[in-house]
Amino acid sequence: MELATTDLAIFIAYVAALIAIGYLVSREKSGHQKNTQDYFLAGNGLPWWAVGASLIAANISAEQIIGMSGSGYAIGLGIASYEWMGAITLILVGKYFLPVFVRKEIYTMPQFLEQRYDERVKLVMAIFWLGVYTFVNLTSVLWLGALAINAIAGVELLFGLLFLGLFSAAYSLYGGLKAVALTDIIQVVLLVIGGLVLSYLALDLVGGGNGLLAGFVELTQRAPEKFDMILSPDNPNYASLPGLSVLVGGMWVVNFSYWGFNQYIIQRALAARSIDEGQKGIAFAAYLKLLMPIIVVLPGIAAVVLLPDLARPDEAYPQLMNLMPVGFKGLIFAALVAAIVSSLASMTNSIATIFTMDIYARFKPSEDQRHYVGVGRAASVISLILAMICAEPLLGQFEQAFQYIQEFTGFFTPGIVVLFVLGVFWRGATANSALAAAVGSLVLSLLLKFGWPELPFMDRIGLVFLLCLALAVGVSLLQGRGQAVVVGSDGSVALREISFDTSRGFNLAALGVTLVLIALYTTWW
């Protein structure tokens, strides 16, 4: 397939505009040189709307749009639990974790672990996150993005990989997080508009040209099995989404790890002007998360009717785009690429932040700010090159990339959540207990995966979390007396000094998210 001239013109205009805007917002005042706070935390000057938009732009990428649409094709609406449960998780992160991170004035999640535990924990987790972000997250976004470009525009995979890498670097490498976050506003607007247009046109096709509602009714009648939110044990996809575990089990662990303790996500909230601005941004993102299944899951379900004979579920979104009329196809293609490059830029910036601040600065502590910014840019470029080289070998053989990513990261997420939950809320947790939980998460996950293969991975995550929690508490108690959370005299803050009170607007937003979720799960139970 190839893009028509009109579609190609729309796409080229988008690319040129984004690069130009990225450069303009990156410029500094005359005489001011970018420092690490400017480059890695946007000078702590992001307003709430930039925080919220950037959170979603960093989150929604190829593995969500392509991968989750593929899971919508294979599984149905149940996969939307990742999005909808993520909305309420964001609210909890904003209320109970963001105030702690902001008060401690950290750049990175490993930095928090060093302040709370010790340097060993920081170093282990920094190396782990660098590996995951480079060889799981970056590679998956690049590979799925290149596949989509190949399916839609006929571009060879190698050239697609190169284009995505160069495009993301072109507008983000110079300006850092500020360029990423402010251009993310454009990306999210384009993503939402393009996604809604695709969903509308797909449902209109399902309904035979009779409009959105007729198409949706027709879809529920022709594929009723795709509209179960809570899967029963006899469902062939139960192993991927095991019933009530999405509401009361391992889904919570997955979401807290991703939205609360994931560097390339939480970094946006850390860059807010204030805690209040960060919390408003998180609430804004939560409402956008409620909307996302319409954009990333519904098209996959529509493809069950429109394209019933696909060879692979992950072909659903790209092949559906090829059914779109000229002009709309260019808009939707631009929205897809917008989601891909914004996530690439976010991930490379976070890789640069962790490498520079948590590893490089440890060995070169006396360099000037300009030097560290240069190191961060170099780290971004190297991570992109590595991801492009490794993309096909690591991901080329998987049919549902989204489920693969969840399965792989699920080996580590239980231990990560234990580290942070105990680190924030229990004074008795020790550094040795943190290391035990981190290592135990991988070991226990592998033992259960191969020793109890029929256990759904979501249930495995919940069980490993409980085991790691017990392990960490046990190690801490055996050591006798754990460290305090922090001590005011060393520049950090005691937990009792942090206010978890939130504004009336944030509380109303939290109530609204809760009521919407109750309505959604009641309707599609």
Protein backbone atom coordinates (compact mmCIF):
# COMPACT_ATOMS: atom_id res chain seq x y z
CA MET A 1 0.00 0.00 0.00
CA GLU A 2 1.05 3.61 -0.56
CA LEU A 3 -0.23 6.95 0.68
CA ALA A 4 -2.10 9.14 -1.79
CA THR A 5 -0.62 12.54 -2.59
CA THR A 6 -3.11 14.31 -0.28
CA ASP A 7 -2.35 11.94 2.60
CA LEU A 8 1.38 12.32 2.06
CA ALA A 9 1.09 16.13 2.05
CA ILE A 10 -0.80 16.06 5.36
CA PHE A 11 1.85 13.83 6.88
CA ILE A 12 4.80 15.92 5.63
CA ALA A 13 3.17 19.08 6.99
CA TYR A 14 2.84 17.41 10.39
CA VAL A 15 6.50 16.34 10.44
CA ALA A 16 7.77 19.78 9.44
CA ALA A 17 5.53 21.58 11.94
CA LEU A 18 6.53 19.36 14.85
CA ILE A 19 10.26 19.75 14.23
CA ALA A 20 9.89 23.53 13.91
CA ILE A 21 7.81 23.83 17.09
CA GLY A 22 10.19 21.52 18.98
CA TYR A 23 13.07 23.80 18.08
CA LEU A 24 11.20 26.99 18.96
CA VAL A 25 10.12 25.84 22.43
CA SER A 26 13.65 24.57 23.13
CA ARG A 27 15.35 27.93 22.68
CA GLU A 28 16.74 29.52 25.81
CA LYS A 29 16.98 33.20 26.66
CA SER A 30 20.12 34.94 25.51
CA GLY A 31 23.02 34.13 27.84
CA HIS A 32 21.31 31.15 29.50
CA GLN A 33 22.90 27.73 29.07
CA LYS A 34 20.78 24.60 29.52
CA ASN A 35 21.48 22.85 32.82
CA THR A 36 20.38 19.41 34.00
CA GLN A 37 17.18 20.76 35.53
CA ASP A 38 16.25 22.41 32.22
CA TYR A 39 17.10 19.36 30.12
CA PHE A 40 15.80 16.55 32.33
CA LEU A 41 12.96 18.28 34.23
CA ALA A 42 11.96 21.12 31.86
CA GLY A 43 13.12 23.62 34.49
CA ASN A 44 10.28 22.47 36.77
CA GLY A 45 8.00 24.75 34.82
CA LEU A 46 5.36 22.53 33.20
CA PRO A 47 1.71 23.61 33.65
CA TRP A 48 -0.97 21.02 34.40
CA TRP A 49 -2.23 20.72 30.84
CA ALA A 50 1.29 19.98 29.57
CA VAL A 51 1.82 17.41 32.34
CA GLY A 52 -1.43 15.60 31.54
CA ALA A 53 -0.97 15.65 27.78
CA SER A 54 2.63 14.50 28.06
CA LEU A 55 1.71 11.62 30.39
CA ILE A 56 -0.70 10.26 27.78
CA ALA A 57 1.62 10.93 24.83
CA ALA A 58 4.42 9.04 26.59
CA ASN A 59 2.03 6.18 27.36
CA ILE A 60 0.12 5.77 24.10
CA SER A 61 2.43 4.50 21.41
CA ALA A 62 2.79 1.68 18.94
CA GLU A 63 2.49 -1.03 21.56
CA GLN A 64 -0.80 0.50 22.71
CA ILE A 65 -2.29 1.49 19.36
CA ILE A 66 -1.06 -1.47 17.31
CA GLY A 67 -0.64 -3.97 20.13
CA MET A 68 -3.79 -3.18 22.09
CA SER A 69 -5.89 -3.02 18.92
CA GLY A 70 -4.51 -6.45 18.13
CA SER A 71 -5.54 -7.65 21.57
CA GLY A 72 -8.96 -6.06 21.01
CA TYR A 73 -9.21 -8.13 17.83
CA ALA A 74 -8.14 -11.32 19.63
CA ILE A 75 -9.62 -10.80 23.11
CA GLY A 76 -12.13 -7.97 22.96
CA LEU A 77 -13.11 -5.11 25.28
CA GLY A 78 -11.59 -6.86 28.30
CA ILE A 79 -8.14 -5.58 27.30
CA ALA A 80 -9.46 -2.06 28.01
CA SER A 81 -8.99 -2.82 31.71
CA TYR A 82 -5.36 -1.77 31.31
CA GLU A 83 -6.59 1.69 30.33
CA TRP A 84 -9.56 2.07 32.65
CA MET A 85 -7.84 0.68 35.75
CA GLY A 86 -4.90 2.89 34.86
CA ALA A 87 -7.17 5.92 35.30
CA ILE A 88 -7.92 5.21 38.96
CA THR A 89 -4.28 4.26 39.55
CA LEU A 90 -3.22 7.68 38.31
CA ILE A 91 -5.50 9.32 40.87
CA LEU A 92 -3.95 7.29 43.71
CA VAL A 93 -0.42 8.03 42.50
CA GLY A 94 -1.19 11.74 42.38
CA LYS A 95 -2.54 11.75 45.92
CA TYR A 96 -0.17 9.44 47.77
CA PHE A 97 3.14 9.19 45.88
CA LEU A 98 3.68 12.40 43.92
CA PRO A 99 3.86 14.59 47.08
CA VAL A 100 6.66 12.37 48.43
CA PHE A 101 8.67 12.43 45.20
CA VAL A 102 8.30 16.19 44.71
CA ARG A 103 9.18 16.97 48.32
CA LYS A 104 12.37 14.91 47.98
CA GLU A 105 13.38 16.96 44.90
CA ILE A 106 14.47 13.97 42.85
CA TYR A 107 15.29 13.65 39.15
CA THR A 108 14.85 9.88 38.92
CA MET A 109 13.23 6.90 40.59
CA PRO A 110 16.66 5.32 41.36
CA GLN A 111 17.57 8.55 43.14
CA PHE A 112 14.59 8.08 45.44
CA LEU A 113 15.70 4.51 46.15
CA GLU A 114 19.17 5.74 47.07
CA GLN A 115 17.77 8.32 49.49
CA ARG A 116 15.42 5.79 51.03
CA TYR A 117 17.65 2.69 51.03
CA ASP A 118 21.26 2.89 49.79
CA GLU A 119 23.44 3.19 46.70
CA ARG A 120 23.34 -0.55 45.98
CA VAL A 121 19.59 -0.48 45.48
CA LYS A 122 19.86 2.60 43.27
CA LEU A 123 22.54 1.08 41.06
CA VAL A 124 20.77 -2.28 40.64
CA MET A 125 17.47 -0.65 39.69
CA ALA A 126 19.09 1.99 37.46
CA ILE A 127 20.81 -0.72 35.41
CA PHE A 128 17.57 -2.73 35.30
CA TRP A 129 15.51 0.22 34.05
CA LEU A 130 18.10 1.15 31.43
CA GLY A 131 17.95 -2.40 30.10
CA VAL A 132 14.14 -2.58 30.06
CA TYR A 133 13.65 0.86 28.51
CA THR A 134 16.20 0.15 25.77
CA PHE A 135 15.59 -3.51 24.94
CA VAL A 136 11.87 -3.84 25.71
CA ASN A 137 10.16 -0.45 25.48
CA LEU A 138 12.19 1.29 22.77
CA THR A 139 12.51 -1.84 20.65
CA SER A 140 8.78 -2.58 20.82
CA VAL A 141 7.79 0.96 19.87
CA LEU A 142 10.27 1.06 16.98
CA TRP A 143 9.40 -2.39 15.66
CA LEU A 144 5.63 -2.03 15.83
CA GLY A 145 5.89 1.48 14.42
CA ALA A 146 8.00 0.28 11.50
CA LEU A 147 5.52 -2.54 10.87
CA ALA A 148 2.66 -0.04 10.78
CA ILE A 149 4.49 2.27 8.38
CA ASN A 150 5.28 -0.72 6.18
CA ALA A 151 1.64 -1.87 6.12
CA ILE A 152 0.21 1.59 5.51
CA ALA A 153 2.78 3.33 3.32
CA GLY A 154 4.79 0.44 1.90
CA VAL A 155 8.07 1.67 3.43
CA GLU A 156 10.72 -1.00 4.04
CA LEU A 157 11.12 -1.96 7.69
CA LEU A 158 14.72 -0.76 7.89
CA PHE A 159 13.83 2.66 6.51
CA GLY A 160 10.83 2.85 8.81
CA LEU A 161 13.04 2.19 11.84
CA LEU A 162 15.54 4.82 10.70
CA PHE A 163 12.82 7.38 10.03
CA LEU A 164 11.21 6.98 13.45
CA GLY A 165 14.54 7.17 15.27
CA LEU A 166 15.73 10.23 13.36
CA PHE A 167 12.36 11.99 13.63
CA SER A 168 12.14 11.61 17.40
CA ALA A 169 15.75 12.77 17.81
CA ALA A 170 15.25 15.74 15.48
CA TYR A 171 12.73 17.51 17.69
CA SER A 172 13.68 16.27 21.17
CA LEU A 173 17.45 15.80 21.33
CA TYR A 174 18.32 19.48 21.63
CA GLY A 175 15.51 20.65 23.90
CA GLY A 176 15.16 17.69 26.27
CA LEU A 177 12.02 17.19 28.34
CA LYS A 178 10.70 20.70 27.68
CA ALA A 179 10.63 20.07 23.92
CA VAL A 180 9.08 16.64 24.46
CA ALA A 181 6.37 17.77 26.89
CA LEU A 182 5.28 20.91 25.03
CA THR A 183 5.12 19.22 21.63
CA ASP A 184 3.21 16.38 23.29
CA ILE A 185 0.24 18.75 23.48
CA ILE A 186 0.10 18.73 19.68
CA GLN A 187 0.69 14.99 19.61
CA VAL A 188 -2.20 14.23 21.95
CA VAL A 189 -4.64 16.50 20.12
CA LEU A 190 -3.70 14.80 16.86
CA LEU A 191 -3.84 11.34 18.46
CA VAL A 192 -7.31 11.89 19.92
CA ILE A 193 -8.77 13.46 16.76
CA GLY A 194 -7.21 10.88 14.45
CA GLY A 195 -8.21 7.99 16.69
CA LEU A 196 -11.80 9.15 17.04
CA VAL A 197 -12.06 9.65 13.27
CA LEU A 198 -10.82 6.10 12.66
CA SER A 199 -13.25 4.65 15.22
CA TYR A 200 -16.15 6.59 13.73
CA LEU A 201 -15.38 5.57 10.16
CA ALA A 202 -14.83 1.94 11.17
CA LEU A 203 -18.18 1.76 12.98
CA ASP A 204 -19.86 3.48 10.05
CA LEU A 205 -18.49 0.76 7.77
CA VAL A 206 -19.74 -1.94 10.15
CA GLY A 207 -23.18 -0.34 10.12
CA GLY A 208 -23.30 -0.14 6.34
CA GLY A 209 -23.00 3.64 6.22
CA ASN A 210 -25.78 4.29 8.73
CA GLY A 211 -23.63 6.13 11.25
CA LEU A 212 -21.87 5.62 14.55
CA LEU A 213 -24.66 4.26 16.73
CA ALA A 214 -25.98 1.87 14.09
CA GLY A 215 -22.47 0.55 13.59
CA PHE A 216 -21.90 0.06 17.31
CA VAL A 217 -25.18 -1.81 17.75
CA GLU A 218 -24.35 -3.97 14.74
CA LEU A 219 -20.90 -4.71 16.18
CA THR A 220 -22.28 -5.80 19.57
CA GLN A 221 -24.74 -8.10 17.80
CA ARG A 222 -22.22 -9.67 15.40
CA ALA A 223 -19.38 -10.03 17.92
CA PRO A 224 -21.03 -10.18 21.37
CA GLU A 225 -18.21 -12.30 22.79
CA LYS A 226 -15.84 -9.34 22.30
CA PHE A 227 -17.73 -7.18 24.82
CA ASP A 228 -17.06 -9.09 28.02
CA MET A 229 -14.99 -7.04 30.49
CA ILE A 230 -14.60 -9.86 33.03
CA LEU A 231 -13.66 -13.10 31.28
CA SER A 232 -14.95 -16.43 32.56
CA PRO A 233 -12.56 -19.40 33.10
CA ASP A 234 -13.87 -21.12 29.96
CA ASN A 235 -12.89 -18.15 27.78
CA PRO A 236 -9.90 -19.04 25.56
CA ASN A 237 -8.22 -15.77 26.57
CA TYR A 238 -8.70 -16.25 30.32
CA ALA A 239 -4.96 -16.76 30.81
CA SER A 240 -4.35 -13.19 29.58
CA LEU A 241 -7.15 -11.56 31.60
CA PRO A 242 -8.15 -13.90 34.45
CA GLY A 243 -11.58 -12.73 35.56
CA LEU A 244 -11.74 -10.64 38.70
CA SER A 245 -7.95 -10.34 38.90
CA VAL A 246 -8.25 -7.26 36.72
CA LEU A 247 -10.24 -5.61 39.52
CA VAL A 248 -8.77 -7.01 42.74
CA GLY A 249 -5.53 -8.77 41.77
CA GLY A 250 -2.37 -8.36 39.76
CA MET A 251 -3.66 -5.56 37.53
CA TRP A 252 -3.13 -3.15 40.44
CA VAL A 253 0.51 -4.18 40.71
CA VAL A 254 1.05 -3.70 36.98
CA ASN A 255 -0.56 -0.27 36.99
CA PHE A 256 1.20 1.05 40.08
CA SER A 257 4.55 -0.04 38.70
CA TYR A 258 3.86 1.66 35.37
CA TRP A 259 2.12 4.88 36.43
CA GLY A 260 3.77 5.46 39.79
CA PHE A 261 7.36 4.24 39.57
CA ASN A 262 8.18 4.27 35.86
CA GLN A 263 10.71 6.98 35.03
CA TYR A 264 9.51 7.98 31.58
CA ILE A 265 5.97 8.39 32.94
CA ILE A 266 6.39 10.00 36.36
CA GLN A 267 9.14 12.32 35.10
CA ARG A 268 6.46 14.57 33.61
CA ALA A 269 4.76 15.07 36.98
CA LEU A 270 8.14 15.69 38.64
CA ALA A 271 8.66 18.54 36.15
CA ALA A 272 5.43 20.34 37.13
CA ARG A 273 5.47 23.87 38.52
CA SER A 274 4.13 22.63 41.84
CA ILE A 275 2.54 19.61 43.48
CA ASP A 276 -0.90 21.09 42.81
CA GLU A 277 -0.12 21.55 39.09
CA GLY A 278 1.24 18.01 38.94
CA GLN A 279 -1.89 16.61 40.56
CA LYS A 280 -4.17 18.53 38.21
CA GLY A 281 -2.14 17.19 35.29
CA ILE A 282 -2.49 13.65 36.58
CA ALA A 283 -6.27 14.09 36.94
CA PHE A 284 -6.42 15.39 33.36
CA ALA A 285 -4.47 12.33 32.20
CA ALA A 286 -6.86 10.03 34.09
CA TYR A 287 -9.80 11.32 32.07
CA LEU A 288 -7.87 10.92 28.84
CA LYS A 289 -7.21 7.31 29.88
CA LEU A 290 -10.95 6.71 30.14
CA LEU A 291 -11.23 7.80 26.51
CA MET A 292 -8.35 5.70 25.17
CA PRO A 293 -10.20 2.36 24.64
CA ILE A 294 -12.42 4.10 22.09
CA ILE A 295 -9.26 4.99 20.18
CA VAL A 296 -7.09 1.89 20.65
CA VAL A 297 -9.44 -1.05 21.42
CA LEU A 298 -12.69 -0.36 19.57
CA PRO A 299 -11.03 -0.32 16.11
CA GLY A 300 -9.58 -3.77 16.82
CA ILE A 301 -13.04 -5.11 17.69
CA ALA A 302 -14.51 -3.51 14.56
CA ALA A 303 -11.83 -5.27 12.51
CA VAL A 304 -13.29 -8.63 13.65
CA VAL A 305 -16.26 -7.86 11.41
CA LEU A 306 -14.51 -5.84 8.70
CA LEU A 307 -11.34 -7.95 8.39
CA PRO A 308 -12.18 -11.40 9.79
CA ASP A 309 -9.31 -13.31 8.12
CA LEU A 310 -6.21 -11.47 9.35
CA ALA A 311 -3.09 -13.60 9.66
CA ARG A 312 -2.02 -11.84 12.89
CA PRO A 313 -4.05 -9.78 15.38
CA ASP A 314 -1.48 -6.95 15.31
CA GLU A 315 -2.36 -6.37 11.64
CA ALA A 316 -5.81 -5.09 12.64
CA TYR A 317 -5.05 -1.37 13.04
CA PRO A 318 -2.78 -0.94 9.98
CA GLN A 319 -5.11 -2.91 7.71
CA LEU A 320 -8.12 -0.98 9.02
CA MET A 321 -6.39 2.27 8.10
CA ASN A 322 -6.12 1.07 4.53
CA LEU A 323 -9.94 1.07 4.38
CA MET A 324 -10.06 4.78 5.21
CA PRO A 325 -10.79 7.42 2.53
CA VAL A 326 -8.09 9.74 1.15
CA GLY A 327 -7.35 12.65 3.47
CA PHE A 328 -8.57 10.87 6.57
CA LYS A 329 -5.92 8.23 6.06
CA GLY A 330 -3.19 10.89 6.12
CA LEU A 331 -4.61 12.39 9.31
CA ILE A 332 -4.83 9.01 11.06
CA PHE A 333 -1.35 8.05 9.84
CA ALA A 334 0.04 11.30 11.24
CA ALA A 335 -1.71 10.58 14.57
CA LEU A 336 -0.18 7.11 14.70
CA VAL A 337 3.32 8.40 14.00
CA ALA A 338 2.75 11.21 16.53
CA ALA A 339 2.06 8.61 19.22
CA ILE A 340 5.13 6.61 18.24
CA VAL A 341 7.68 9.43 18.14
CA SER A 342 6.39 11.09 21.32
CA SER A 343 6.92 7.84 23.23
CA LEU A 344 10.35 7.36 21.66
CA ALA A 345 11.34 10.87 22.68
CA SER A 346 10.02 10.33 26.22
CA MET A 347 11.85 7.03 26.63
CA THR A 348 15.17 8.27 25.30
CA ASN A 349 15.00 11.34 27.54
CA SER A 350 14.36 9.15 30.58
CA ILE A 351 17.18 6.79 29.59
CA ALA A 352 19.45 9.82 29.35
CA THR A 353 18.28 11.08 32.75
CA ILE A 354 18.89 7.79 34.56
CA PHE A 355 22.23 7.12 32.86
CA THR A 356 23.55 10.64 33.42
CA MET A 357 22.27 11.37 36.93
CA ASP A 358 22.36 7.89 38.50
CA ILE A 359 25.37 6.22 36.85
CA TYR A 360 27.66 8.63 35.00
CA ALA A 361 27.55 11.37 37.65
CA ARG A 362 28.52 8.77 40.26
CA PHE A 363 31.89 8.32 38.56
CA LYS A 364 32.26 11.91 37.32
CA PRO A 365 30.73 13.98 40.13
CA SER A 366 32.58 17.25 39.47
CA GLU A 367 31.71 18.00 35.85
CA ASP A 368 29.77 21.13 34.91
CA GLN A 369 26.11 21.20 33.92
CA ARG A 370 26.82 21.59 30.21
CA HIS A 371 28.90 18.41 30.28
CA TYR A 372 26.08 16.37 31.86
CA VAL A 373 23.57 17.65 29.28
CA GLY A 374 25.96 16.55 26.52
CA VAL A 375 26.29 13.11 28.10
CA GLY A 376 22.50 12.86 28.25
CA ARG A 377 22.19 13.64 24.54
CA ALA A 378 24.82 11.02 23.71
CA ALA A 379 22.98 8.44 25.84
CA SER A 380 19.76 9.17 23.96
CA VAL A 381 21.41 8.59 20.58
CA ILE A 382 23.15 5.38 21.68
CA SER A 383 19.94 3.93 23.15
CA LEU A 384 18.09 4.60 19.87
CA ILE A 385 20.81 2.93 17.82
CA LEU A 386 20.82 -0.14 20.09
CA ALA A 387 17.03 -0.40 19.96
CA MET A 388 16.99 -0.17 16.15
CA ILE A 389 19.58 -2.94 15.89
CA CYS A 390 17.76 -5.23 18.35
CA ALA A 391 14.14 -4.55 17.34
CA GLU A 392 13.58 -7.34 14.84
CA PRO A 393 15.56 -10.09 16.66
CA LEU A 394 13.70 -9.42 19.92
CA LEU A 395 10.16 -8.78 18.70
CA GLY A 396 9.88 -10.09 15.15
CA GLN A 397 8.34 -13.45 16.12
CA PHE A 398 5.52 -12.35 18.44
CA GLU A 399 1.89 -12.13 17.31
CA GLN A 400 0.55 -9.95 20.13
CA ALA A 401 3.32 -7.58 21.15
CA PHE A 402 1.30 -5.88 23.90
CA GLN A 403 0.77 -9.16 25.73
CA TYR A 404 4.47 -10.03 25.29
CA ILE A 405 5.53 -6.74 26.87
CA GLN A 406 3.20 -7.25 29.81
CA GLU A 407 4.43 -10.82 30.29
CA PHE A 408 8.10 -9.83 30.28
CA THR A 409 7.85 -6.78 32.52
CA GLY A 410 5.61 -8.82 34.84
CA PHE A 411 8.71 -10.68 36.05
CA PHE A 412 9.93 -7.49 37.73
CA THR A 413 6.92 -5.32 38.53
CA PRO A 414 5.95 -7.09 41.81
CA GLY A 415 9.36 -6.38 43.36
CA ILE A 416 9.35 -2.78 42.12
CA VAL A 417 6.00 -2.07 43.74
CA VAL A 418 7.17 -3.63 47.01
CA LEU A 419 10.29 -1.42 46.98
CA PHE A 420 8.31 1.79 46.68
CA VAL A 421 5.28 0.95 48.80
CA LEU A 422 7.39 -0.17 51.76
CA GLY A 423 9.92 2.59 51.12
CA VAL A 424 7.27 5.26 51.42
CA PHE A 425 4.91 3.85 54.02
CA TRP A 426 6.94 1.61 56.33
CA ARG A 427 9.83 2.97 58.35
CA GLY A 428 11.14 -0.50 59.06
CA ALA A 429 12.05 -1.48 55.48
CA THR A 430 15.82 -1.93 55.00
CA ALA A 431 18.14 -1.84 52.01
CA ASN A 432 18.76 -5.59 52.23
CA SER A 433 15.01 -6.23 52.20
CA ALA A 434 14.71 -4.06 49.09
CA LEU A 435 17.39 -6.08 47.30
CA ALA A 436 15.71 -9.31 48.41
CA ALA A 437 12.39 -8.15 46.95
CA ALA A 438 14.01 -7.03 43.68
CA VAL A 439 15.86 -10.31 43.13
CA GLY A 440 13.03 -12.40 44.57
CA SER A 441 10.58 -10.94 42.07
CA LEU A 442 12.49 -12.38 39.12
CA VAL A 443 13.31 -15.71 40.78
CA LEU A 444 9.79 -16.34 42.08
CA SER A 445 8.22 -15.28 38.78
CA LEU A 446 10.38 -17.72 36.82
CA LEU A 447 9.71 -20.54 39.29
CA LEU A 448 5.96 -20.02 39.05
CA LYS A 449 5.99 -19.58 35.27
CA PHE A 450 7.70 -22.92 34.67
CA GLY A 451 6.51 -24.76 37.76
CA TRP A 452 2.87 -23.70 37.51
CA PRO A 453 2.43 -22.87 33.80
CA GLU A 454 -1.37 -22.90 33.87
CA LEU A 455 -1.43 -20.02 36.39
CA PRO A 456 -2.51 -16.85 34.47
CA PHE A 457 0.30 -14.30 34.42
CA MET A 458 -1.90 -11.64 36.05
CA ASP A 459 -2.53 -13.97 38.99
CA ARG A 460 1.17 -14.80 39.04
CA ILE A 461 2.02 -11.12 39.38
CA GLY A 462 -0.37 -10.73 42.31
CA LEU A 463 0.96 -13.84 44.03
CA VAL A 464 4.61 -12.85 43.52
CA PHE A 465 3.83 -9.39 44.90
CA LEU A 466 2.47 -10.91 48.12
CA LEU A 467 5.46 -13.27 48.40
CA CYS A 468 7.94 -10.43 47.81
CA LEU A 469 6.11 -8.28 50.34
CA ALA A 470 6.38 -11.06 52.93
CA LEU A 471 10.05 -11.59 52.01
CA ALA A 472 10.92 -7.92 52.40
CA VAL A 473 9.10 -7.61 55.72
CA GLY A 474 10.75 -10.80 56.97
CA VAL A 475 14.27 -9.68 56.05
CA SER A 476 13.69 -6.28 57.67
CA LEU A 477 12.42 -7.84 60.89
CA LEU A 478 15.34 -10.27 61.00
CA GLN A 479 17.75 -7.36 60.76
CA GLY A 480 16.22 -5.98 63.91
CA ARG A 481 15.82 -2.29 63.33
CA GLY A 482 15.21 -0.77 59.93
CA GLN A 483 16.10 2.67 58.66
CA ALA A 484 13.71 5.56 59.11
CA VAL A 485 12.01 6.70 55.94
CA VAL A 486 14.19 9.78 55.93
CA VAL A 487 15.63 12.18 58.48
CA GLY A 488 15.06 15.88 58.20
CA SER A 489 18.64 16.86 59.04
CA ASP A 490 20.05 15.36 55.82
CA GLY A 491 17.90 17.47 53.51
CA SER A 492 15.19 14.86 52.93
CA VAL A 493 11.77 14.86 54.53
CA ALA A 494 10.01 12.66 57.04
CA LEU A 495 6.76 11.12 55.88
CA ARG A 496 4.85 12.81 58.67
CA GLU A 497 5.90 16.20 57.25
CA ILE A 498 4.20 15.51 53.90
CA SER A 499 0.62 16.61 53.37
CA PHE A 500 -1.57 14.21 51.44
CA ASP A 501 -4.42 16.71 51.37
CA THR A 502 -5.60 17.47 47.85
CA SER A 503 -7.63 20.30 46.37
CA ARG A 504 -11.40 20.20 46.02
CA GLY A 505 -11.02 20.06 42.24
CA PHE A 506 -8.74 17.02 42.44
CA ASN A 507 -11.15 15.29 44.84
CA LEU A 508 -14.10 15.93 42.50
CA ALA A 509 -12.04 14.62 39.58
CA ALA A 510 -11.25 11.47 41.57
CA LEU A 511 -14.94 10.96 42.35
CA GLY A 512 -15.82 11.42 38.69
CA VAL A 513 -13.28 8.81 37.55
CA THR A 514 -14.60 6.36 40.14
CA LEU A 515 -18.23 6.80 39.07
CA VAL A 516 -17.38 6.43 35.39
CA LEU A 517 -15.50 3.20 36.08
CA ILE A 518 -18.39 1.79 38.11
CA ALA A 519 -20.75 2.60 35.23
CA LEU A 520 -18.45 1.03 32.60
CA TYR A 521 -17.88 -2.23 34.47
CA THR A 522 -21.54 -2.48 35.46
CA THR A 523 -22.59 -2.07 31.81
CA TRP A 524 -20.08 -4.50 30.26
CA TRP A 525 -19.71 -7.02 33.08
